Amino acid sequence: MLSESPPERFAVAAFDALLAHIAIVDAEGVIVAVNHAWIAFARGNGGAGNDVGLNYLSICDGAQGQDGQDARATAQGIRAVMAGEQQVYELEYPCHTPTEQRYYVARVTRFSQDGAHYALVAHEDITRRKLAELEVTALNASLERRVQERTEALEASETALQRLNSELTARNEELSQFVYVASHDLQEPLRTLGAYADILRQRYRGKQLDDRADIYLGHITEQVGRARRLVRDVLALSTVSEEAPREASDLGGVCREVQAELNWPPDAELRLAPMPPAWANPPQMRQLLGNLLGNALKFHSESRVRVDLGAQPEGDLIHFTLSDNGIGIAPEYAEKVFGMFQRLHGRTPTGGNGIGLAVCRRIVERHGGRIWLGAAPGGGTAVHFTLPAVREAGQDAGIHDAGIHDAGT
């Protein structure tokens, strides 16, 4: 067992063992004691080492150069603590050498001994912590700068995108208006040209005009009709809008209405399977089914025309299939036919103008679906397309049940 010893026995040894550079200053600012760390630091920086007897306040007040301001602030702190104006004074300051960066913190506290007041001035090396703090500060500043740069870049991109979107919207509106005006302006001379060609054929057939002239006039009338159909299809393509109002649409009923407007052969058959309603724009559905049924009639085979329309739910969409028993389309052309002015059969009476399926694709895609071609069972073409299902409350009831209908019903 160690014998119990008074604390004073260890005071001097502990004072010298402290790593902080410590000096005890009396009320006049004179250094009355220093520890070994103070002496070693003073000698290492060109001082005498033992500064006992020097007036620390005078030294601090007279300091010049880069450290002068911190030294004078330390002197003011010592005076404030000695006067009882504050309990503790602290100041972090740099103390660099030509070869390394160093940082210290000065702490001043007051104590009493034998009826007199003294200040304990401790300078502690905080270089490691300070350099870590400075590194973190620099990293944060770099990160904030990069975030600011990225934010400014994103804002600039968003501004540019909004400007481009505005320009694109304006150009689309101008283009739609141009197509609409141009189409209507083209219709009038075409109607006039067709009317005069018909008058010439009717009034002068077999008289002033020979058979060859009748053939030429027939060609003119035919080309005028084709041009008018082309203008109408271009107008239909340009007016397909994504913002068109939608409602629960019975495509079976729409299909029957379109059939009634087409030149449907008496022996042709249209078969409609039960199908759920789609959330779609009815006029655009009429355009879609009109083009598809029209193609089924134009590209029919020698067999009696038969067209089937059915549907199956697929999540939030409905998968419709319209198949016919016509001449079909080779697989390598299944995608090409959806392009503008793409014909597989040339400019014949049944060749079309190459816009109908492009209109169909735009209508379906504007509704959030897709459209593609495949082979129908037993030959012919199967047109697949998807449309949104009805999801609004109170609008998802009512399934079309058309059964089997032929042209005579």
Foldseek 3Di string as FASTA:
>chain_A
DDDDDDPVVCVLVVQQPDQWWKFKAFPQQFTQDTHQNVLVVQVVVPHPRDRHGPRQLVCLCPDDDPCNVVSPVVSVQQNCQQVVVDAKDKDKDWDDDPVDTWIWMWMWGWDDDPRGIMIMITIGTPRVVVVVVVVVVVVVVVVVVVVVVVVVVVVVVVVVVVVVVVVVVVVLVVVLVVLVVVLVVVLVVLVVQLVVLVCCCVVQPPHPDDPVSNVVSVVSNVVSVQVNVVSVLSNLLSPQDLPAAWAFAALVVLLVVLCVVDPQDQQAWEFEAKDFTFTAHSVLSNLLSNLVVLLQVLQADPDHKYWYWYWDDDVQKIKIKIWIAGQADDPVCFPVLLDAQDWDPPPDPSTHRSRSNVSNQSRLVSQVKGWTWDADVPGTIMIIMMGGQDDDPPRRDDIDHPGTDTPVD
